[in-house]
Amino acid sequence: MDRDLISRIAGLARLDTAPEQADKFALQFREIISYMDSLNKIDTTGVEPFYSPSGNISVLREDVCRATHDRKDILANAPRHDGKYFIVPRII
């Protein structure tokens, strides 16, 4: 990681960075990549994947698609409609 690569990454992310920030970010990126490399060296053969620390029990209702309102009732409150859609002023 050098200053040029950091500047390219910042440009792709649409971030404005000062040259002194690029040096700091380069150091931080190198530390992060070094840590990830050390994690990649760990043998995880036979280790069951851990997806969540909780038992994933949902206390919410089941997600079911259902009609809750009638189109006629909704359109009854509209100032203008054509029986199927709201009619709004053109904005161009």
N, C-alpha and C. Protein backbone atom coordinates (compact mmCIF):
# COMPACT_ATOMS: atom_id res chain seq x y z
N MET A 1 0.85 -1.18 0.00
CA MET A 1 0.00 0.00 0.00
C MET A 1 0.89 1.24 0.00
N ASP A 2 0.73 2.02 -1.02
CA ASP A 2 1.48 3.28 -1.07
C ASP A 2 0.50 4.43 -1.26
N ARG A 3 1.03 5.63 -1.29
CA ARG A 3 0.20 6.84 -1.37
C ARG A 3 -0.65 6.86 -2.65
N ASP A 4 -0.07 6.40 -3.77
CA ASP A 4 -0.81 6.41 -5.03
C ASP A 4 -2.01 5.46 -5.00
N LEU A 5 -1.81 4.27 -4.44
CA LEU A 5 -2.91 3.31 -4.35
C LEU A 5 -4.00 3.84 -3.43
N ILE A 6 -3.62 4.44 -2.33
CA ILE A 6 -4.59 5.03 -1.40
C ILE A 6 -5.37 6.14 -2.10
N SER A 7 -4.70 6.95 -2.86
CA SER A 7 -5.37 8.03 -3.58
C SER A 7 -6.36 7.47 -4.60
N ARG A 8 -5.97 6.38 -5.28
CA ARG A 8 -6.88 5.74 -6.23
C ARG A 8 -8.12 5.17 -5.54
N ILE A 9 -7.91 4.51 -4.41
CA ILE A 9 -9.02 3.94 -3.65
C ILE A 9 -9.94 5.06 -3.15
N ALA A 10 -9.36 6.13 -2.65
CA ALA A 10 -10.15 7.27 -2.17
C ALA A 10 -10.94 7.88 -3.32
N GLY A 11 -10.34 7.97 -4.49
CA GLY A 11 -11.05 8.49 -5.65
C GLY A 11 -12.23 7.62 -6.04
N LEU A 12 -12.03 6.30 -6.00
CA LEU A 12 -13.13 5.38 -6.32
C LEU A 12 -14.26 5.50 -5.30
N ALA A 13 -13.90 5.78 -4.05
CA ALA A 13 -14.91 5.92 -2.99
C ALA A 13 -15.44 7.35 -2.90
N ARG A 14 -14.98 8.21 -3.80
CA ARG A 14 -15.41 9.62 -3.83
C ARG A 14 -15.07 10.33 -2.53
N LEU A 15 -13.86 10.06 -2.01
CA LEU A 15 -13.39 10.70 -0.78
C LEU A 15 -12.26 11.68 -1.12
N ASP A 16 -12.29 12.82 -0.48
CA ASP A 16 -11.19 13.77 -0.61
C ASP A 16 -10.20 13.51 0.52
N THR A 17 -8.95 13.25 0.15
CA THR A 17 -7.94 13.01 1.18
C THR A 17 -6.75 13.92 0.93
N ALA A 18 -6.21 14.40 2.01
CA ALA A 18 -4.99 15.19 1.95
C ALA A 18 -3.80 14.24 1.86
N PRO A 19 -2.67 14.69 1.32
CA PRO A 19 -1.50 13.80 1.21
C PRO A 19 -1.06 13.19 2.54
N GLU A 20 -1.14 13.96 3.62
CA GLU A 20 -0.74 13.41 4.92
C GLU A 20 -1.73 12.35 5.41
N GLN A 21 -2.98 12.46 5.00
CA GLN A 21 -3.96 11.43 5.34
C GLN A 21 -3.69 10.15 4.57
N ALA A 22 -3.24 10.27 3.34
CA ALA A 22 -2.95 9.10 2.51
C ALA A 22 -1.88 8.23 3.17
N ASP A 23 -0.86 8.86 3.73
CA ASP A 23 0.19 8.10 4.43
C ASP A 23 -0.38 7.37 5.63
N LYS A 24 -1.24 8.04 6.39
CA LYS A 24 -1.86 7.43 7.57
C LYS A 24 -2.75 6.26 7.16
N PHE A 25 -3.56 6.45 6.10
CA PHE A 25 -4.43 5.39 5.62
C PHE A 25 -3.63 4.20 5.09
N ALA A 26 -2.52 4.48 4.42
CA ALA A 26 -1.68 3.39 3.90
C ALA A 26 -1.18 2.52 5.05
N LEU A 27 -0.76 3.14 6.13
CA LEU A 27 -0.29 2.39 7.30
C LEU A 27 -1.44 1.57 7.89
N GLN A 28 -2.61 2.18 8.01
CA GLN A 28 -3.75 1.46 8.57
C GLN A 28 -4.17 0.29 7.68
N PHE A 29 -4.18 0.49 6.36
CA PHE A 29 -4.50 -0.59 5.45
C PHE A 29 -3.50 -1.74 5.57
N ARG A 30 -2.22 -1.41 5.65
CA ARG A 30 -1.20 -2.45 5.80
C ARG A 30 -1.43 -3.25 7.08
N GLU A 31 -1.80 -2.57 8.17
CA GLU A 31 -2.06 -3.27 9.44
C GLU A 31 -3.29 -4.18 9.31
N ILE A 32 -4.32 -3.70 8.65
CA ILE A 32 -5.54 -4.50 8.48
C ILE A 32 -5.24 -5.73 7.62
N ILE A 33 -4.53 -5.54 6.52
CA ILE A 33 -4.21 -6.66 5.64
C ILE A 33 -3.31 -7.66 6.34
N SER A 34 -2.37 -7.17 7.13
CA SER A 34 -1.49 -8.05 7.89
C SER A 34 -2.31 -8.89 8.88
N TYR A 35 -3.27 -8.28 9.53
CA TYR A 35 -4.13 -9.01 10.47
C TYR A 35 -4.95 -10.07 9.72
N MET A 36 -5.50 -9.70 8.57
CA MET A 36 -6.28 -10.65 7.80
C MET A 36 -5.40 -11.82 7.33
N ASP A 37 -4.16 -11.53 6.95
CA ASP A 37 -3.23 -12.60 6.57
C ASP A 37 -2.99 -13.55 7.72
N SER A 38 -2.86 -13.02 8.94
CA SER A 38 -2.64 -13.89 10.10
C SER A 38 -3.88 -14.74 10.38
N LEU A 39 -5.08 -14.19 10.13
CA LEU A 39 -6.29 -15.00 10.30
C LEU A 39 -6.38 -16.09 9.24
N ASN A 40 -5.93 -15.81 8.03
CA ASN A 40 -5.96 -16.79 6.95
C ASN A 40 -5.04 -17.98 7.23
N LYS A 41 -4.03 -17.80 8.07
CA LYS A 41 -3.08 -18.87 8.38
C LYS A 41 -3.64 -19.87 9.40
N ILE A 42 -4.74 -19.52 10.06
CA ILE A 42 -5.30 -20.39 11.09
C ILE A 42 -6.01 -21.56 10.43
N ASP A 43 -5.74 -22.77 10.92
CA ASP A 43 -6.37 -23.98 10.39
C ASP A 43 -7.79 -24.09 10.97
N THR A 44 -8.78 -23.99 10.12
CA THR A 44 -10.17 -24.07 10.55
C THR A 44 -10.85 -25.35 10.05
N THR A 45 -10.05 -26.33 9.69
CA THR A 45 -10.59 -27.59 9.22
C THR A 45 -11.43 -28.23 10.33
N GLY A 46 -12.66 -28.58 9.99
CA GLY A 46 -13.54 -29.24 10.96
C GLY A 46 -14.26 -28.29 11.89
N VAL A 47 -14.05 -27.00 11.74
CA VAL A 47 -14.72 -26.03 12.59
C VAL A 47 -16.06 -25.67 11.95
N GLU A 48 -17.13 -25.81 12.72
CA GLU A 48 -18.47 -25.50 12.23
C GLU A 48 -18.62 -23.99 12.09
N PRO A 49 -19.17 -23.51 10.96
CA PRO A 49 -19.36 -22.07 10.79
C PRO A 49 -20.28 -21.51 11.87
N PHE A 50 -19.97 -20.31 12.32
CA PHE A 50 -20.73 -19.64 13.38
C PHE A 50 -21.43 -18.45 12.76
N TYR A 51 -22.72 -18.55 12.58
CA TYR A 51 -23.46 -17.52 11.88
C TYR A 51 -23.98 -16.41 12.79
N SER A 52 -24.33 -16.74 14.01
CA SER A 52 -24.91 -15.74 14.91
C SER A 52 -24.71 -16.18 16.36
N PRO A 53 -24.50 -15.21 17.25
CA PRO A 53 -24.33 -15.59 18.66
C PRO A 53 -25.65 -15.97 19.33
N SER A 54 -26.77 -15.67 18.70
CA SER A 54 -28.07 -16.02 19.29
C SER A 54 -28.65 -17.24 18.58
N GLY A 55 -29.72 -17.73 19.12
CA GLY A 55 -30.35 -18.92 18.55
C GLY A 55 -31.24 -18.63 17.36
N ASN A 56 -31.25 -17.37 16.90
CA ASN A 56 -32.06 -16.96 15.76
C ASN A 56 -33.54 -17.28 15.94
N ILE A 57 -34.05 -17.01 17.11
CA ILE A 57 -35.47 -17.22 17.37
C ILE A 57 -36.18 -15.91 17.11
N SER A 58 -37.13 -15.92 16.18
CA SER A 58 -37.85 -14.71 15.83
C SER A 58 -39.03 -14.53 16.78
N VAL A 59 -39.11 -13.35 17.38
CA VAL A 59 -40.24 -13.05 18.26
C VAL A 59 -41.30 -12.25 17.51
N LEU A 60 -41.05 -12.00 16.24
CA LEU A 60 -41.98 -11.24 15.43
C LEU A 60 -42.97 -12.16 14.75
N ARG A 61 -44.03 -11.58 14.23
CA ARG A 61 -45.02 -12.38 13.52
C ARG A 61 -44.42 -12.93 12.24
N GLU A 62 -45.04 -13.96 11.72
CA GLU A 62 -44.60 -14.52 10.46
C GLU A 62 -44.90 -13.52 9.35
N ASP A 63 -43.99 -13.40 8.41
CA ASP A 63 -44.15 -12.46 7.31
C ASP A 63 -45.05 -13.08 6.25
N VAL A 64 -46.29 -12.59 6.19
CA VAL A 64 -47.27 -13.12 5.26
C VAL A 64 -47.82 -11.98 4.43
N CYS A 65 -47.87 -12.17 3.11
CA CYS A 65 -48.40 -11.16 2.22
C CYS A 65 -49.92 -11.23 2.25
N ARG A 66 -50.55 -10.07 2.51
CA ARG A 66 -52.01 -10.05 2.54
C ARG A 66 -52.49 -8.64 2.21
N ALA A 67 -53.66 -8.57 1.64
CA ALA A 67 -54.26 -7.26 1.32
C ALA A 67 -54.91 -6.72 2.59
N THR A 68 -54.55 -5.50 2.97
CA THR A 68 -55.09 -4.93 4.19
C THR A 68 -56.02 -3.76 3.93
N HIS A 69 -55.96 -3.20 2.73
CA HIS A 69 -56.80 -2.06 2.39
C HIS A 69 -57.42 -2.27 1.02
N ASP A 70 -58.58 -1.71 0.85
CA ASP A 70 -59.27 -1.78 -0.43
C ASP A 70 -58.90 -0.54 -1.26
N ARG A 71 -58.63 -0.72 -2.54
CA ARG A 71 -58.24 0.38 -3.42
C ARG A 71 -59.28 1.50 -3.40
N LYS A 72 -60.57 1.15 -3.39
CA LYS A 72 -61.62 2.17 -3.39
C LYS A 72 -61.55 3.04 -2.14
N ASP A 73 -61.28 2.42 -0.99
CA ASP A 73 -61.18 3.18 0.26
C ASP A 73 -60.00 4.15 0.24
N ILE A 74 -58.88 3.71 -0.32
CA ILE A 74 -57.69 4.56 -0.38
C ILE A 74 -57.92 5.72 -1.35
N LEU A 75 -58.47 5.42 -2.52
CA LEU A 75 -58.69 6.47 -3.51
C LEU A 75 -59.80 7.45 -3.09
N ALA A 76 -60.65 7.05 -2.17
CA ALA A 76 -61.74 7.93 -1.72
C ALA A 76 -61.18 9.19 -1.06
N ASN A 77 -59.99 9.14 -0.51
CA ASN A 77 -59.38 10.29 0.15
C ASN A 77 -58.54 11.15 -0.79
N ALA A 78 -58.36 10.71 -2.02
CA ALA A 78 -57.52 11.44 -2.97
C ALA A 78 -58.30 12.60 -3.58
N PRO A 79 -57.64 13.76 -3.75
CA PRO A 79 -58.32 14.88 -4.40
C PRO A 79 -58.70 14.56 -5.84
N ARG A 80 -57.81 13.82 -6.54
CA ARG A 80 -58.09 13.42 -7.92
C ARG A 80 -57.60 12.00 -8.14
N HIS A 81 -58.40 11.22 -8.84
CA HIS A 81 -57.99 9.86 -9.21
C HIS A 81 -58.81 9.43 -10.42
N ASP A 82 -58.34 8.35 -11.05
CA ASP A 82 -59.05 7.85 -12.23
C ASP A 82 -59.73 6.52 -11.96
N GLY A 83 -59.89 6.20 -10.69
CA GLY A 83 -60.50 4.93 -10.31
C GLY A 83 -59.49 3.84 -10.04
N LYS A 84 -58.26 4.05 -10.53
CA LYS A 84 -57.20 3.06 -10.33
C LYS A 84 -55.94 3.68 -9.73
N TYR A 85 -55.62 4.93 -10.14
CA TYR A 85 -54.39 5.60 -9.71
C TYR A 85 -54.68 7.01 -9.22
N PHE A 86 -53.77 7.55 -8.40
CA PHE A 86 -53.83 8.95 -8.02
C PHE A 86 -53.46 9.80 -9.22
N ILE A 87 -54.06 10.92 -9.36
CA ILE A 87 -53.69 11.88 -10.42
C ILE A 87 -53.03 13.06 -9.73
N VAL A 88 -51.80 13.34 -10.13
CA VAL A 88 -51.02 14.42 -9.53
C VAL A 88 -50.58 15.40 -10.60
N PRO A 89 -50.26 16.63 -10.23
CA PRO A 89 -49.79 17.60 -11.22
C PRO A 89 -48.49 17.15 -11.87
N ARG A 90 -48.33 17.46 -13.12
CA ARG A 90 -47.10 17.16 -13.85
C ARG A 90 -46.00 18.08 -13.34
N ILE A 91 -44.82 17.55 -13.13
CA ILE A 91 -43.71 18.35 -12.59
C ILE A 91 -42.54 18.27 -13.56
N ILE A 92 -42.63 18.98 -14.64
CA ILE A 92 -41.51 19.02 -15.61
C ILE A 92 -41.46 20.40 -16.20
